[in-house]
Every structure is written in C-alpha cells, then in structure tokens.
Amino acid sequence: MQVALPTLARWKSQVGRRILVGLLGVALAGCSTLPAPPTQTTASNAAQQRIQRLQANQPFALEAKLAVQYAGKGYTARLEWQHDVQADTMRIFSPLGQQVALIHRTQQSVTLTDQSGKQHTATDVASLTERLLGWRLPLAGLSQWILGIPHRDSPFQAAYLENGAPASLTQDQWQITYDDYQQTALNGALEQLPYTTRLQQQDVRLKLVIQHW
C-alpha cells in the first residue's frame, strides 16, 4: 500500500522523505468521549455469520480520508483503494489533490511509485513501507479489518456489538477500534460496514474515514 507523508528526520531514507513531503501536515483531531455501547467477547451466531459472509466477499473499492500519527506528528491524505484476492492498487493524494504515491500489489511482489516516478519493489507492503518510511503498514490485515472482520491467518480477540459487528479487534499486535457503522451495499449485498476505523501499534496510529464504498 502506498503511503505519503511530510519529512521526518528519523525516517529511514531519502525516498521516504520525498514521499512524505508531498503531504501537508495536519494534527490528528482529538476524539470526543461518548458512552461505550454494550459489547460481548464471545462471537454470537450473527457475528460468525457476518465474518463468513465478508471473508467470502473479498473485492472492494473505497475512497477514504487517511490520518497518520507517528513520532509525535500528525498528517492527513486522501486514499483510493481497489482490492481483490489477486491484487491491490492504492493511490495516496495530498490534501491539495496531488498524487504522491502509488502502491500496486500482486501475488508475487509489491511496487511503490513515488512522487518523482521512481519505482521501489519488495515482496510485501509491510517490508516495503518499513524500508522506505520506517514503520510497517499492515496491508494484509487491513484489507480485512477495514470491513470490520479479522483475517484468517492469526489469533485475534474482539468485543462484539449486538448486531454481530465488532466494536474492537486485537490482532497481529494491532489494536483496531470502530467508531461507527453504516448499512452499505457491497458487491450487491447490504452489510453494516465501518465508516471510521482507528488502528494503533506502539507509537503508530492510523485513522481511516470512509467517504465512499
């Protein structure tokens, strides 16, 4: 997945800084305190059926606002993401609308094209973003977490709402919190899908606000 954010001296490479400088820094807004809805940690039949439906319903396309907080600073971008089992294409735009990074994943490799047009390759997005930006972007998990479900490859913990959707997930050392859901058509079926998703691992915080599924 492609990522582009402003210059940070700690970040590992000139490439990472060149990608980051394409975005304007905007501090993440603080979140208001709302009463927590009732949850349960055991997956109900509704939760299990929802996971099965969405894990089988892989393809999606979305547009979202992306906010990243890392090393004490916050940045925003606009994201366009097309996903299916075979490939991912993710475009990252600055707040002014300039494309600053393009990430394309196939089953064999990942290519990131930076703002200057230079291409960088790796076997997976996590290792590529770690090399260029200094932290790992969990694309494999994110493609499922963004739907409000865990992926199949590792254990997880969840707190479920009454409708079977999770209020929170913990998987692969990431903490994922869902602020709200809306009924949305996905591949011809109506589902309750997240519209605000927050992820945190150590000092990396991501926030995705869906604009369009």
C-alpha atoms as a PDB file:
ATOM      1  CA  MET A   1       0.000   0.000   0.000  1.00  0.00           C
ATOM      2  CA  GLN A   2       1.349   3.412  -0.776  1.00  0.00           C
ATOM      3  CA  VAL A   3       1.927   5.951   1.868  1.00  0.00           C
ATOM      4  CA  ALA A   4       2.997   9.574   1.625  1.00  0.00           C
ATOM      5  CA  LEU A   5       3.584  11.950   4.474  1.00  0.00           C
ATOM      6  CA  PRO A   6       5.794  15.011   5.339  1.00  0.00           C
ATOM      7  CA  THR A   7       9.508  14.999   6.154  1.00  0.00           C
ATOM      8  CA  LEU A   8      10.616  13.469   9.472  1.00  0.00           C
ATOM      9  CA  ALA A   9      14.304  13.384  10.288  1.00  0.00           C
ATOM     10  CA  ARG A  10      14.028   9.976  11.858  1.00  0.00           C
ATOM     11  CA  TRP A  11      12.564   8.277   8.862  1.00  0.00           C
ATOM     12  CA  LYS A  12      14.890   5.882   7.216  1.00  0.00           C
ATOM     13  CA  SER A  13      15.536   7.037   3.676  1.00  0.00           C
ATOM     14  CA  GLN A  14      15.597   9.906   1.221  1.00  0.00           C
ATOM     15  CA  VAL A  15      12.827   8.096  -0.649  1.00  0.00           C
ATOM     16  CA  GLY A  16      10.613   8.104   2.413  1.00  0.00           C
ATOM     17  CA  ARG A  17      11.190  11.809   2.917  1.00  0.00           C
ATOM     18  CA  ARG A  18      10.483  12.554  -0.736  1.00  0.00           C
ATOM     19  CA  ILE A  19       7.173  10.699  -0.491  1.00  0.00           C
ATOM     20  CA  LEU A  20       6.244  12.369   2.771  1.00  0.00           C
ATOM     21  CA  VAL A  21       6.978  15.896   1.652  1.00  0.00           C
ATOM     22  CA  GLY A  22       4.084  15.646  -0.803  1.00  0.00           C
ATOM     23  CA  LEU A  23       1.557  15.918   2.021  1.00  0.00           C
ATOM     24  CA  LEU A  24       0.691  18.827   4.271  1.00  0.00           C
ATOM     25  CA  GLY A  25       0.866  18.044   7.992  1.00  0.00           C
ATOM     26  CA  VAL A  26      -2.344  18.294   9.952  1.00  0.00           C
ATOM     27  CA  ALA A  27      -2.511  17.163  13.567  1.00  0.00           C
ATOM     28  CA  LEU A  28      -4.980  14.393  14.295  1.00  0.00           C
ATOM     29  CA  ALA A  29      -8.091  15.749  15.882  1.00  0.00           C
ATOM     30  CA  GLY A  30      -8.847  14.617  19.399  1.00  0.00           C
ATOM     31  CA  CYS A  31     -11.791  12.309  19.755  1.00  0.00           C
ATOM     32  CA  SER A  32     -14.805  13.219  21.840  1.00  0.00           C
ATOM     33  CA  THR A  33     -15.845  10.962  24.672  1.00  0.00           C
ATOM     34  CA  LEU A  34     -19.078   9.064  24.072  1.00  0.00           C
ATOM     35  CA  PRO A  35     -20.762   6.379  26.166  1.00  0.00           C
ATOM     36  CA  ALA A  36     -19.456   2.968  25.131  1.00  0.00           C
ATOM     37  CA  PRO A  37     -22.121   0.671  23.621  1.00  0.00           C
ATOM     38  CA  PRO A  38     -22.649  -2.711  25.300  1.00  0.00           C
ATOM     39  CA  THR A  39     -20.373  -5.428  23.921  1.00  0.00           C
ATOM     40  CA  GLN A  40     -19.560  -9.095  24.450  1.00  0.00           C
ATOM     41  CA  THR A  41     -16.326 -11.018  23.850  1.00  0.00           C
ATOM     42  CA  THR A  42     -17.932 -14.236  22.605  1.00  0.00           C
ATOM     43  CA  ALA A  43     -18.896 -14.270  18.935  1.00  0.00           C
ATOM     44  CA  SER A  44     -22.644 -14.760  18.542  1.00  0.00           C
ATOM     45  CA  ASN A  45     -24.196 -16.607  15.616  1.00  0.00           C
ATOM     46  CA  ALA A  46     -24.750 -13.226  13.978  1.00  0.00           C
ATOM     47  CA  ALA A  47     -21.064 -12.358  14.394  1.00  0.00           C
ATOM     48  CA  GLN A  48     -19.896 -15.703  12.997  1.00  0.00           C
ATOM     49  CA  GLN A  49     -22.227 -15.453  10.006  1.00  0.00           C
ATOM     50  CA  ARG A  50     -21.090 -11.898   9.325  1.00  0.00           C
ATOM     51  CA  ILE A  51     -17.417 -12.949   9.326  1.00  0.00           C
ATOM     52  CA  GLN A  52     -18.139 -15.826   6.954  1.00  0.00           C
ATOM     53  CA  ARG A  53     -20.055 -13.595   4.537  1.00  0.00           C
ATOM     54  CA  LEU A  54     -17.444 -10.862   4.415  1.00  0.00           C
ATOM     55  CA  GLN A  55     -14.423 -13.165   4.243  1.00  0.00           C
ATOM     56  CA  ALA A  56     -16.033 -14.758   1.181  1.00  0.00           C
ATOM     57  CA  ASN A  57     -16.924 -11.334  -0.261  1.00  0.00           C
ATOM     58  CA  GLN A  58     -13.365 -10.146  -0.886  1.00  0.00           C
ATOM     59  CA  PRO A  59     -13.369  -7.474  -3.634  1.00  0.00           C
ATOM     60  CA  PHE A  60     -13.978  -3.844  -2.720  1.00  0.00           C
ATOM     61  CA  ALA A  61     -13.181  -0.315  -3.817  1.00  0.00           C
ATOM     62  CA  LEU A  62     -13.201   2.652  -1.477  1.00  0.00           C
ATOM     63  CA  GLU A  63     -12.240   6.275  -1.058  1.00  0.00           C
ATOM     64  CA  ALA A  64     -11.222   7.482   2.378  1.00  0.00           C
ATOM     65  CA  LYS A  65      -9.501  10.171   4.357  1.00  0.00           C
ATOM     66  CA  LEU A  66      -6.333   8.836   5.956  1.00  0.00           C
ATOM     67  CA  ALA A  67      -4.693  10.332   9.040  1.00  0.00           C
ATOM     68  CA  VAL A  68      -1.373   9.079  10.379  1.00  0.00           C
ATOM     69  CA  GLN A  69       0.264   9.926  13.665  1.00  0.00           C
ATOM     70  CA  TYR A  70       3.883   8.859  14.063  1.00  0.00           C
ATOM     71  CA  ALA A  71       6.836  10.156  16.068  1.00  0.00           C
ATOM     72  CA  GLY A  72       4.663  12.792  17.694  1.00  0.00           C
ATOM     73  CA  LYS A  73       3.393  14.427  14.498  1.00  0.00           C
ATOM     74  CA  GLY A  74       0.167  14.058  12.528  1.00  0.00           C
ATOM     75  CA  TYR A  75      -0.545  14.097   8.790  1.00  0.00           C
ATOM     76  CA  THR A  76      -3.553  13.650   6.520  1.00  0.00           C
ATOM     77  CA  ALA A  77      -4.111  12.380   2.984  1.00  0.00           C
ATOM     78  CA  ARG A  78      -6.814  11.108   0.663  1.00  0.00           C
ATOM     79  CA  LEU A  79      -6.791   7.441  -0.260  1.00  0.00           C
ATOM     80  CA  GLU A  80      -8.224   5.493  -3.202  1.00  0.00           C
ATOM     81  CA  TRP A  81      -8.009   1.717  -2.787  1.00  0.00           C
ATOM     82  CA  GLN A  82      -9.081  -1.145  -5.036  1.00  0.00           C
ATOM     83  CA  HIS A  83      -8.717  -4.611  -3.526  1.00  0.00           C
ATOM     84  CA  ASP A  84      -9.297  -8.208  -4.545  1.00  0.00           C
ATOM     85  CA  VAL A  85      -7.611 -11.514  -3.780  1.00  0.00           C
ATOM     86  CA  GLN A  86      -5.195 -11.184  -6.690  1.00  0.00           C
ATOM     87  CA  ALA A  87      -4.098  -7.559  -6.349  1.00  0.00           C
ATOM     88  CA  ASP A  88      -4.288  -4.214  -4.562  1.00  0.00           C
ATOM     89  CA  THR A  89      -3.966  -0.775  -6.097  1.00  0.00           C
ATOM     90  CA  MET A  90      -3.703   2.134  -3.700  1.00  0.00           C
ATOM     91  CA  ARG A  91      -3.250   5.787  -4.592  1.00  0.00           C
ATOM     92  CA  ILE A  92      -2.319   8.395  -1.991  1.00  0.00           C
ATOM     93  CA  PHE A  93      -3.074  12.078  -2.595  1.00  0.00           C
ATOM     94  CA  SER A  94      -2.017  15.184  -0.714  1.00  0.00           C
ATOM     95  CA  PRO A  95      -4.744  17.437   0.752  1.00  0.00           C
ATOM     96  CA  LEU A  96      -4.268  19.610  -2.348  1.00  0.00           C
ATOM     97  CA  GLY A  97      -5.052  16.673  -4.647  1.00  0.00           C
ATOM     98  CA  GLN A  98      -1.554  15.805  -5.890  1.00  0.00           C
ATOM     99  CA  GLN A  99      -0.791  12.080  -6.185  1.00  0.00           C
ATOM    100  CA  VAL A 100       2.246  11.437  -4.032  1.00  0.00           C
ATOM    101  CA  ALA A 101       2.446   7.635  -4.055  1.00  0.00           C
ATOM    102  CA  LEU A 102       1.070   4.633  -5.888  1.00  0.00           C
ATOM    103  CA  ILE A 103       1.287   1.114  -4.476  1.00  0.00           C
ATOM    104  CA  HIS A 104       0.450  -1.911  -6.562  1.00  0.00           C
ATOM    105  CA  ARG A 105       0.439  -5.399  -5.065  1.00  0.00           C
ATOM    106  CA  THR A 106       0.290  -8.671  -6.946  1.00  0.00           C
ATOM    107  CA  GLN A 107       0.631 -12.168  -5.514  1.00  0.00           C
ATOM    108  CA  GLN A 108       4.338 -12.080  -6.389  1.00  0.00           C
ATOM    109  CA  SER A 109       5.525  -8.610  -5.363  1.00  0.00           C
ATOM    110  CA  VAL A 110       4.729  -5.036  -4.400  1.00  0.00           C
ATOM    111  CA  THR A 111       5.743  -1.898  -6.303  1.00  0.00           C
ATOM    112  CA  LEU A 112       5.661   1.603  -4.866  1.00  0.00           C
ATOM    113  CA  THR A 113       5.967   4.505  -7.294  1.00  0.00           C
ATOM    114  CA  ASP A 114       6.951   7.695  -5.505  1.00  0.00           C
ATOM    115  CA  GLN A 115       6.179  11.293  -6.377  1.00  0.00           C
ATOM    116  CA  SER A 116       9.166  11.594  -8.722  1.00  0.00           C
ATOM    117  CA  GLY A 117       8.110   8.481 -10.671  1.00  0.00           C
ATOM    118  CA  LYS A 118      10.784   6.195  -9.233  1.00  0.00           C
ATOM    119  CA  GLN A 119       9.685   2.626  -8.533  1.00  0.00           C
ATOM    120  CA  HIS A 120      10.628   0.554  -5.477  1.00  0.00           C
ATOM    121  CA  THR A 121       9.838  -3.139  -5.097  1.00  0.00           C
ATOM    122  CA  ALA A 122       9.571  -5.686  -2.300  1.00  0.00           C
ATOM    123  CA  THR A 123       7.844  -8.976  -1.610  1.00  0.00           C
ATOM    124  CA  ASP A 124       5.192  -7.381   0.638  1.00  0.00           C
ATOM    125  CA  VAL A 125       3.846  -3.975   1.614  1.00  0.00           C
ATOM    126  CA  ALA A 126       4.900  -4.209   5.261  1.00  0.00           C
ATOM    127  CA  SER A 127       8.585  -4.673   4.476  1.00  0.00           C
ATOM    128  CA  LEU A 128       8.474  -2.029   1.713  1.00  0.00           C
ATOM    129  CA  THR A 129       6.962   0.649   3.933  1.00  0.00           C
ATOM    130  CA  GLU A 130       9.308  -0.270   6.749  1.00  0.00           C
ATOM    131  CA  ARG A 131      12.274   0.219   4.416  1.00  0.00           C
ATOM    132  CA  LEU A 132      11.032   3.494   2.943  1.00  0.00           C
ATOM    133  CA  LEU A 133       9.102   5.036   5.822  1.00  0.00           C
ATOM    134  CA  GLY A 134      10.440   3.404   8.963  1.00  0.00           C
ATOM    135  CA  TRP A 135       7.232   1.611  10.044  1.00  0.00           C
ATOM    136  CA  ARG A 136       5.227  -1.343   8.737  1.00  0.00           C
ATOM    137  CA  LEU A 137       1.863  -0.766   7.062  1.00  0.00           C
ATOM    138  CA  PRO A 138      -0.283  -3.898   7.664  1.00  0.00           C
ATOM    139  CA  LEU A 139      -1.983  -4.157   4.267  1.00  0.00           C
ATOM    140  CA  ALA A 140      -2.737  -7.888   4.516  1.00  0.00           C
ATOM    141  CA  GLY A 141      -4.621  -7.389   7.754  1.00  0.00           C
ATOM    142  CA  LEU A 142      -6.028  -4.006   6.819  1.00  0.00           C
ATOM    143  CA  SER A 143      -7.863  -5.443   3.808  1.00  0.00           C
ATOM    144  CA  GLN A 144      -9.993  -7.409   6.301  1.00  0.00           C
ATOM    145  CA  TRP A 145     -10.003  -5.010   9.258  1.00  0.00           C
ATOM    146  CA  ILE A 146     -11.407  -2.234   7.077  1.00  0.00           C
ATOM    147  CA  LEU A 147     -14.505  -4.458   6.588  1.00  0.00           C
ATOM    148  CA  GLY A 148     -14.816  -4.995  10.337  1.00  0.00           C
ATOM    149  CA  ILE A 149     -13.585  -8.607  10.389  1.00  0.00           C
ATOM    150  CA  PRO A 150     -10.379 -10.392  11.450  1.00  0.00           C
ATOM    151  CA  HIS A 151      -8.193 -12.105   8.874  1.00  0.00           C
ATOM    152  CA  ARG A 152      -7.778 -15.892   8.975  1.00  0.00           C
ATOM    153  CA  ASP A 153      -4.026 -16.210   9.471  1.00  0.00           C
ATOM    154  CA  SER A 154      -3.532 -15.427  13.176  1.00  0.00           C
ATOM    155  CA  PRO A 155      -5.425 -15.442  16.506  1.00  0.00           C
ATOM    156  CA  PHE A 156      -7.492 -12.421  17.485  1.00  0.00           C
ATOM    157  CA  GLN A 157      -9.611 -11.005  20.276  1.00  0.00           C
ATOM    158  CA  ALA A 158     -12.765  -8.991  19.737  1.00  0.00           C
ATOM    159  CA  ALA A 159     -15.555  -7.170  21.535  1.00  0.00           C
ATOM    160  CA  TYR A 160     -18.806  -7.523  19.593  1.00  0.00           C
ATOM    161  CA  LEU A 161     -21.831  -5.274  19.299  1.00  0.00           C
ATOM    162  CA  GLU A 162     -25.348  -6.686  19.450  1.00  0.00           C
ATOM    163  CA  ASN A 163     -25.604  -6.812  15.642  1.00  0.00           C
ATOM    164  CA  GLY A 164     -22.506  -9.031  15.393  1.00  0.00           C
ATOM    165  CA  ALA A 165     -20.099  -6.335  14.189  1.00  0.00           C
ATOM    166  CA  PRO A 166     -17.012  -5.759  16.338  1.00  0.00           C
ATOM    167  CA  ALA A 167     -16.561  -2.633  18.416  1.00  0.00           C
ATOM    168  CA  SER A 168     -12.854  -3.507  18.603  1.00  0.00           C
ATOM    169  CA  LEU A 169     -10.331  -6.105  17.435  1.00  0.00           C
ATOM    170  CA  THR A 170      -6.832  -7.006  18.535  1.00  0.00           C
ATOM    171  CA  GLN A 171      -4.746  -8.952  16.006  1.00  0.00           C
ATOM    172  CA  ASP A 172      -1.081  -9.073  14.962  1.00  0.00           C
ATOM    173  CA  GLN A 173      -0.281  -6.655  17.807  1.00  0.00           C
ATOM    174  CA  TRP A 174      -2.577  -4.035  16.265  1.00  0.00           C
ATOM    175  CA  GLN A 175      -5.483  -2.576  18.214  1.00  0.00           C
ATOM    176  CA  ILE A 176      -8.402  -1.742  15.919  1.00  0.00           C
ATOM    177  CA  THR A 177     -11.366   0.331  17.081  1.00  0.00           C
ATOM    178  CA  TYR A 178     -14.537   1.052  15.111  1.00  0.00           C
ATOM    179  CA  ASP A 179     -16.295   4.338  15.847  1.00  0.00           C
ATOM    180  CA  ASP A 180     -19.368   3.845  13.681  1.00  0.00           C
ATOM    181  CA  TYR A 181     -21.066   1.609  11.118  1.00  0.00           C
ATOM    182  CA  GLN A 182     -23.452   2.292   8.258  1.00  0.00           C
ATOM    183  CA  GLN A 183     -25.545  -0.035   6.133  1.00  0.00           C
ATOM    184  CA  THR A 184     -23.781  -0.178   2.776  1.00  0.00           C
ATOM    185  CA  ALA A 185     -24.105  -2.130  -0.471  1.00  0.00           C
ATOM    186  CA  LEU A 186     -21.026  -4.291  -1.025  1.00  0.00           C
ATOM    187  CA  ASN A 187     -20.934  -6.461  -4.146  1.00  0.00           C
ATOM    188  CA  GLY A 188     -24.715  -6.474  -4.337  1.00  0.00           C
ATOM    189  CA  ALA A 189     -25.407  -7.256  -0.664  1.00  0.00           C
ATOM    190  CA  LEU A 190     -26.284  -4.896   2.182  1.00  0.00           C
ATOM    191  CA  GLU A 191     -23.859  -5.036   5.107  1.00  0.00           C
ATOM    192  CA  GLN A 192     -23.075  -2.985   8.182  1.00  0.00           C
ATOM    193  CA  LEU A 193     -19.595  -1.662   7.322  1.00  0.00           C
ATOM    194  CA  PRO A 194     -17.252   0.566   9.345  1.00  0.00           C
ATOM    195  CA  TYR A 195     -17.013   4.218   8.410  1.00  0.00           C
ATOM    196  CA  THR A 196     -14.390   5.278  10.960  1.00  0.00           C
ATOM    197  CA  THR A 197     -11.591   2.839  11.783  1.00  0.00           C
ATOM    198  CA  ARG A 198      -8.690   3.551  14.139  1.00  0.00           C
ATOM    199  CA  LEU A 199      -5.569   1.396  14.347  1.00  0.00           C
ATOM    200  CA  GLN A 200      -2.698   1.605  16.801  1.00  0.00           C
ATOM    201  CA  GLN A 201       0.551  -0.296  17.265  1.00  0.00           C
ATOM    202  CA  GLN A 202       3.068   1.241  19.652  1.00  0.00           C
ATOM    203  CA  ASP A 203       3.541   4.875  18.520  1.00  0.00           C
ATOM    204  CA  VAL A 204       1.910   4.434  15.095  1.00  0.00           C
ATOM    205  CA  ARG A 205      -1.727   5.498  14.835  1.00  0.00           C
ATOM    206  CA  LEU A 206      -3.851   5.328  11.705  1.00  0.00           C
ATOM    207  CA  LYS A 207      -7.353   6.647  11.190  1.00  0.00           C
ATOM    208  CA  LEU A 208      -9.443   5.930   8.099  1.00  0.00           C
ATOM    209  CA  VAL A 209     -12.739   7.691   7.485  1.00  0.00           C
ATOM    210  CA  ILE A 210     -14.655   6.206   4.571  1.00  0.00           C
ATOM    211  CA  GLN A 211     -16.044   8.686   2.056  1.00  0.00           C
ATOM    212  CA  HIS A 212     -17.345   6.142  -0.432  1.00  0.00           C
ATOM    213  CA  TRP A 213     -17.531   2.341  -0.704  1.00  0.00           C
END
